[in-house]
Amino acid sequence: MQWDPKKDAYGPDRYAIRRYKKSGDTYRVQSKFAISSRDQAKKIIDGLSAWIEAPEGEA
């Protein structure tokens, strides 16, 4: 959620997938993917869950 000062309220939930790379003693964002909606987030979760639960070699 992100605060919207104009509405004096929080906006809708926001989702993102980020990949980090360690460089020395710090981590930096290597890539990121913004998920546009709650529905899209659920579809990604379902797809990854099915992929992980499938026997090896059938994914």
PDB file of N, CA and C in Angstrom:
ATOM      1  N   MET A   1       0.838  -1.186   0.000  1.00  0.00           N
ATOM      2  CA  MET A   1       0.000   0.000   0.000  1.00  0.00           C
ATOM      3  C   MET A   1       0.878   1.243   0.000  1.00  0.00           C
ATOM      4  N   GLN A   2       0.355   2.253  -0.595  1.00  0.00           N
ATOM      5  CA  GLN A   2       1.085   3.511  -0.636  1.00  0.00           C
ATOM      6  C   GLN A   2       0.149   4.621  -0.170  1.00  0.00           C
ATOM      7  N   TRP A   3       0.676   5.489   0.684  1.00  0.00           N
ATOM      8  CA  TRP A   3      -0.112   6.583   1.227  1.00  0.00           C
ATOM      9  C   TRP A   3      -0.370   7.624   0.143  1.00  0.00           C
ATOM     10  N   ASP A   4      -1.645   8.033   0.025  1.00  0.00           N
ATOM     11  CA  ASP A   4      -2.031   9.065  -0.930  1.00  0.00           C
ATOM     12  C   ASP A   4      -2.458  10.294  -0.116  1.00  0.00           C
ATOM     13  N   PRO A   5      -1.577  11.295  -0.009  1.00  0.00           N
ATOM     14  CA  PRO A   5      -1.908  12.455   0.825  1.00  0.00           C
ATOM     15  C   PRO A   5      -3.104  13.260   0.316  1.00  0.00           C
ATOM     16  N   LYS A   6      -3.358  13.226  -0.989  1.00  0.00           N
ATOM     17  CA  LYS A   6      -4.505  13.967  -1.529  1.00  0.00           C
ATOM     18  C   LYS A   6      -5.816  13.384  -1.038  1.00  0.00           C
ATOM     19  N   LYS A   7      -5.866  12.061  -0.890  1.00  0.00           N
ATOM     20  CA  LYS A   7      -7.089  11.388  -0.423  1.00  0.00           C
ATOM     21  C   LYS A   7      -7.056  11.132   1.071  1.00  0.00           C
ATOM     22  N   ASP A   8      -5.891  11.393   1.691  1.00  0.00           N
ATOM     23  CA  ASP A   8      -5.694  11.136   3.111  1.00  0.00           C
ATOM     24  C   ASP A   8      -6.020   9.672   3.452  1.00  0.00           C
ATOM     25  N   ALA A   9      -5.566   8.785   2.577  1.00  0.00           N
ATOM     26  CA  ALA A   9      -5.834   7.351   2.760  1.00  0.00           C
ATOM     27  C   ALA A   9      -4.797   6.551   1.967  1.00  0.00           C
ATOM     28  N   TYR A  10      -4.758   5.259   2.259  1.00  0.00           N
ATOM     29  CA  TYR A  10      -3.886   4.364   1.514  1.00  0.00           C
ATOM     30  C   TYR A  10      -4.533   3.975   0.196  1.00  0.00           C
ATOM     31  N   GLY A  11      -3.699   3.799  -0.830  1.00  0.00           N
ATOM     32  CA  GLY A  11      -4.180   3.347  -2.130  1.00  0.00           C
ATOM     33  C   GLY A  11      -4.283   1.830  -2.140  1.00  0.00           C
ATOM     34  N   PRO A  12      -4.554   1.251  -3.293  1.00  0.00           N
ATOM     35  CA  PRO A  12      -4.674  -0.207  -3.398  1.00  0.00           C
ATOM     36  C   PRO A  12      -3.321  -0.891  -3.172  1.00  0.00           C
ATOM     37  N   ASP A  13      -3.369  -2.175  -2.831  1.00  0.00           N
ATOM     38  CA  ASP A  13      -2.148  -2.950  -2.652  1.00  0.00           C
ATOM     39  C   ASP A  13      -1.330  -2.937  -3.928  1.00  0.00           C
ATOM     40  N   ARG A  14      -0.015  -2.948  -3.773  1.00  0.00           N
ATOM     41  CA  ARG A  14       0.897  -2.990  -4.912  1.00  0.00           C
ATOM     42  C   ARG A  14       1.820  -4.177  -4.719  1.00  0.00           C
ATOM     43  N   TYR A  15       2.171  -4.841  -5.820  1.00  0.00           N
ATOM     44  CA  TYR A  15       3.005  -6.036  -5.765  1.00  0.00           C
ATOM     45  C   TYR A  15       4.166  -5.889  -6.741  1.00  0.00           C
ATOM     46  N   ALA A  16       5.300  -6.486  -6.381  1.00  0.00           N
ATOM     47  CA  ALA A  16       6.459  -6.478  -7.262  1.00  0.00           C
ATOM     48  C   ALA A  16       7.334  -7.680  -6.939  1.00  0.00           C
ATOM     49  N   ILE A  17       8.045  -8.150  -7.949  1.00  0.00           N
ATOM     50  CA  ILE A  17       9.038  -9.197  -7.771  1.00  0.00           C
ATOM     51  C   ILE A  17      10.377  -8.533  -8.060  1.00  0.00           C
ATOM     52  N   ARG A  18      11.313  -8.678  -7.125  1.00  0.00           N
ATOM     53  CA  ARG A  18      12.621  -8.060  -7.296  1.00  0.00           C
ATOM     54  C   ARG A  18      13.710  -9.103  -7.125  1.00  0.00           C
ATOM     55  N   ARG A  19      14.751  -8.962  -7.923  1.00  0.00           N
ATOM     56  CA  ARG A  19      15.899  -9.840  -7.836  1.00  0.00           C
ATOM     57  C   ARG A  19      17.084  -8.988  -7.401  1.00  0.00           C
ATOM     58  N   TYR A  20      17.776  -9.450  -6.366  1.00  0.00           N
ATOM     59  CA  TYR A  20      18.906  -8.709  -5.831  1.00  0.00           C
ATOM     60  C   TYR A  20      20.208  -9.446  -6.107  1.00  0.00           C
ATOM     61  N   LYS A  21      21.287  -8.682  -6.217  1.00  0.00           N
ATOM     62  CA  LYS A  21      22.617  -9.244  -6.395  1.00  0.00           C
ATOM     63  C   LYS A  21      23.519  -8.662  -5.321  1.00  0.00           C
ATOM     64  N   LYS A  22      24.256  -9.546  -4.655  1.00  0.00           N
ATOM     65  CA  LYS A  22      25.166  -9.080  -3.625  1.00  0.00           C
ATOM     66  C   LYS A  22      26.437  -8.571  -4.285  1.00  0.00           C
ATOM     67  N   SER A  23      26.840  -7.381  -3.914  1.00  0.00           N
ATOM     68  CA  SER A  23      28.046  -6.761  -4.433  1.00  0.00           C
ATOM     69  C   SER A  23      28.839  -6.254  -3.228  1.00  0.00           C
ATOM     70  N   GLY A  24      29.889  -6.979  -2.893  1.00  0.00           N
ATOM     71  CA  GLY A  24      30.636  -6.624  -1.684  1.00  0.00           C
ATOM     72  C   GLY A  24      29.796  -6.952  -0.469  1.00  0.00           C
ATOM     73  N   ASP A  25      29.544  -5.958   0.364  1.00  0.00           N
ATOM     74  CA  ASP A  25      28.730  -6.156   1.573  1.00  0.00           C
ATOM     75  C   ASP A  25      27.304  -5.655   1.420  1.00  0.00           C
ATOM     76  N   THR A  26      26.928  -5.226   0.226  1.00  0.00           N
ATOM     77  CA  THR A  26      25.588  -4.689   0.020  1.00  0.00           C
ATOM     78  C   THR A  26      24.856  -5.455  -1.073  1.00  0.00           C
ATOM     79  N   TYR A  27      23.550  -5.308  -1.069  1.00  0.00           N
ATOM     80  CA  TYR A  27      22.708  -5.900  -2.112  1.00  0.00           C
ATOM     81  C   TYR A  27      22.147  -4.779  -2.964  1.00  0.00           C
ATOM     82  N   ARG A  28      22.095  -5.011  -4.273  1.00  0.00           N
ATOM     83  CA  ARG A  28      21.491  -4.011  -5.158  1.00  0.00           C
ATOM     84  C   ARG A  28      20.466  -4.698  -6.047  1.00  0.00           C
ATOM     85  N   VAL A  29      19.457  -3.948  -6.439  1.00  0.00           N
ATOM     86  CA  VAL A  29      18.412  -4.498  -7.296  1.00  0.00           C
ATOM     87  C   VAL A  29      19.010  -4.773  -8.668  1.00  0.00           C
ATOM     88  N   GLN A  30      18.871  -6.017  -9.112  1.00  0.00           N
ATOM     89  CA  GLN A  30      19.379  -6.382 -10.429  1.00  0.00           C
ATOM     90  C   GLN A  30      18.267  -6.290 -11.467  1.00  0.00           C
ATOM     91  N   SER A  31      17.057  -6.684 -11.078  1.00  0.00           N
ATOM     92  CA  SER A  31      15.910  -6.569 -11.978  1.00  0.00           C
ATOM     93  C   SER A  31      14.648  -6.512 -11.144  1.00  0.00           C
ATOM     94  N   LYS A  32      13.571  -5.988 -11.735  1.00  0.00           N
ATOM     95  CA  LYS A  32      12.301  -5.926 -11.018  1.00  0.00           C
ATOM     96  C   LYS A  32      11.145  -6.024 -11.997  1.00  0.00           C
ATOM     97  N   PHE A  33      10.039  -6.522 -11.481  1.00  0.00           N
ATOM     98  CA  PHE A  33       8.841  -6.724 -12.290  1.00  0.00           C
ATOM     99  C   PHE A  33       7.651  -6.258 -11.470  1.00  0.00           C
ATOM    100  N   ALA A  34       6.942  -5.260 -11.956  1.00  0.00           N
ATOM    101  CA  ALA A  34       5.754  -4.762 -11.269  1.00  0.00           C
ATOM    102  C   ALA A  34       4.544  -5.595 -11.682  1.00  0.00           C
ATOM    103  N   ILE A  35       3.782  -6.014 -10.705  1.00  0.00           N
ATOM    104  CA  ILE A  35       2.576  -6.798 -10.957  1.00  0.00           C
ATOM    105  C   ILE A  35       1.408  -5.828 -10.938  1.00  0.00           C
ATOM    106  N   SER A  36       0.597  -5.849 -12.000  1.00  0.00           N
ATOM    107  CA  SER A  36      -0.392  -4.800 -12.202  1.00  0.00           C
ATOM    108  C   SER A  36      -1.653  -4.915 -11.352  1.00  0.00           C
ATOM    109  N   SER A  37      -1.971  -6.106 -10.859  1.00  0.00           N
ATOM    110  CA  SER A  37      -3.207  -6.238 -10.102  1.00  0.00           C
ATOM    111  C   SER A  37      -3.151  -7.444  -9.161  1.00  0.00           C
ATOM    112  N   ARG A  38      -4.090  -7.484  -8.249  1.00  0.00           N
ATOM    113  CA  ARG A  38      -4.206  -8.614  -7.324  1.00  0.00           C
ATOM    114  C   ARG A  38      -4.504  -9.897  -8.099  1.00  0.00           C
ATOM    115  N   ASP A  39      -5.324  -9.792  -9.132  1.00  0.00           N
ATOM    116  CA  ASP A  39      -5.661 -10.957  -9.955  1.00  0.00           C
ATOM    117  C   ASP A  39      -4.416 -11.511 -10.645  1.00  0.00           C
ATOM    118  N   GLN A  40      -3.588 -10.630 -11.187  1.00  0.00           N
ATOM    119  CA  GLN A  40      -2.360 -11.069 -11.844  1.00  0.00           C
ATOM    120  C   GLN A  40      -1.430 -11.730 -10.821  1.00  0.00           C
ATOM    121  N   ALA A  41      -1.342 -11.189  -9.612  1.00  0.00           N
ATOM    122  CA  ALA A  41      -0.504 -11.773  -8.560  1.00  0.00           C
ATOM    123  C   ALA A  41      -0.974 -13.189  -8.234  1.00  0.00           C
ATOM    124  N   LYS A  42      -2.287 -13.388  -8.123  1.00  0.00           N
ATOM    125  CA  LYS A  42      -2.820 -14.727  -7.833  1.00  0.00           C
ATOM    126  C   LYS A  42      -2.497 -15.707  -8.957  1.00  0.00           C
ATOM    127  N   LYS A  43      -2.580 -15.252 -10.205  1.00  0.00           N
ATOM    128  CA  LYS A  43      -2.271 -16.123 -11.347  1.00  0.00           C
ATOM    129  C   LYS A  43      -0.797 -16.523 -11.340  1.00  0.00           C
ATOM    130  N   ILE A  44       0.081 -15.599 -10.991  1.00  0.00           N
ATOM    131  CA  ILE A  44       1.509 -15.915 -10.911  1.00  0.00           C
ATOM    132  C   ILE A  44       1.748 -16.932  -9.803  1.00  0.00           C
ATOM    133  N   ILE A  45       1.121 -16.745  -8.654  1.00  0.00           N
ATOM    134  CA  ILE A  45       1.254 -17.685  -7.537  1.00  0.00           C
ATOM    135  C   ILE A  45       0.759 -19.068  -7.943  1.00  0.00           C
ATOM    136  N   ASP A  46      -0.399 -19.129  -8.588  1.00  0.00           N
ATOM    137  CA  ASP A  46      -0.952 -20.424  -9.031  1.00  0.00           C
ATOM    138  C   ASP A  46      -0.022 -21.109 -10.024  1.00  0.00           C
ATOM    139  N   GLY A  47       0.512 -20.337 -10.961  1.00  0.00           N
ATOM    140  CA  GLY A  47       1.410 -20.898 -11.967  1.00  0.00           C
ATOM    141  C   GLY A  47       2.697 -21.431 -11.346  1.00  0.00           C
ATOM    142  N   LEU A  48       3.291 -20.659 -10.453  1.00  0.00           N
ATOM    143  CA  LEU A  48       4.515 -21.112  -9.796  1.00  0.00           C
ATOM    144  C   LEU A  48       4.260 -22.312  -8.894  1.00  0.00           C
ATOM    145  N   SER A  49       3.127 -22.315  -8.200  1.00  0.00           N
ATOM    146  CA  SER A  49       2.789 -23.447  -7.326  1.00  0.00           C
ATOM    147  C   SER A  49       2.634 -24.728  -8.128  1.00  0.00           C
ATOM    148  N   ALA A  50       1.964 -24.656  -9.267  1.00  0.00           N
ATOM    149  CA  ALA A  50       1.787 -25.834 -10.115  1.00  0.00           C
ATOM    150  C   ALA A  50       3.137 -26.304 -10.649  1.00  0.00           C
ATOM    151  N   TRP A  51       3.994 -25.381 -10.990  1.00  0.00           N
ATOM    152  CA  TRP A  51       5.317 -25.695 -11.517  1.00  0.00           C
ATOM    153  C   TRP A  51       6.154 -26.417 -10.460  1.00  0.00           C
ATOM    154  N   ILE A  52       6.113 -25.926  -9.222  1.00  0.00           N
ATOM    155  CA  ILE A  52       6.895 -26.518  -8.137  1.00  0.00           C
ATOM    156  C   ILE A  52       6.345 -27.884  -7.750  1.00  0.00           C
ATOM    157  N   GLU A  53       5.043 -28.067  -7.777  1.00  0.00           N
ATOM    158  CA  GLU A  53       4.426 -29.326  -7.359  1.00  0.00           C
ATOM    159  C   GLU A  53       4.505 -30.405  -8.432  1.00  0.00           C
ATOM    160  N   ALA A  54       4.780 -30.043  -9.677  1.00  0.00           N
ATOM    161  CA  ALA A  54       4.884 -31.025 -10.754  1.00  0.00           C
ATOM    162  C   ALA A  54       6.117 -31.894 -10.561  1.00  0.00           C
ATOM    163  N   PRO A  55       6.028 -33.182 -10.900  1.00  0.00           N
ATOM    164  CA  PRO A  55       7.224 -34.026 -10.828  1.00  0.00           C
ATOM    165  C   PRO A  55       8.308 -33.458 -11.743  1.00  0.00           C
ATOM    166  N   GLU A  56       9.559 -33.676 -11.378  1.00  0.00           N
ATOM    167  CA  GLU A  56      10.661 -33.146 -12.191  1.00  0.00           C
ATOM    168  C   GLU A  56      10.585 -33.684 -13.615  1.00  0.00           C
ATOM    169  N   GLY A  57      10.873 -32.809 -14.559  1.00  0.00           N
ATOM    170  CA  GLY A  57      10.835 -33.191 -15.955  1.00  0.00           C
ATOM    171  C   GLY A  57       9.488 -32.963 -16.614  1.00  0.00           C
ATOM    172  N   GLU A  58       8.472 -32.585 -15.840  1.00  0.00           N
ATOM    173  CA  GLU A  58       7.127 -32.345 -16.410  1.00  0.00           C
ATOM    174  C   GLU A  58       6.721 -30.892 -16.381  1.00  0.00           C
ATOM    175  N   ALA A  59       7.592 -30.003 -15.934  1.00  0.00           N
ATOM    176  CA  ALA A  59       7.224 -28.602 -15.804  1.00  0.00           C
ATOM    177  C   ALA A  59       7.167 -27.904 -17.132  1.00  0.00           C
TER     178      ALA A  59
END
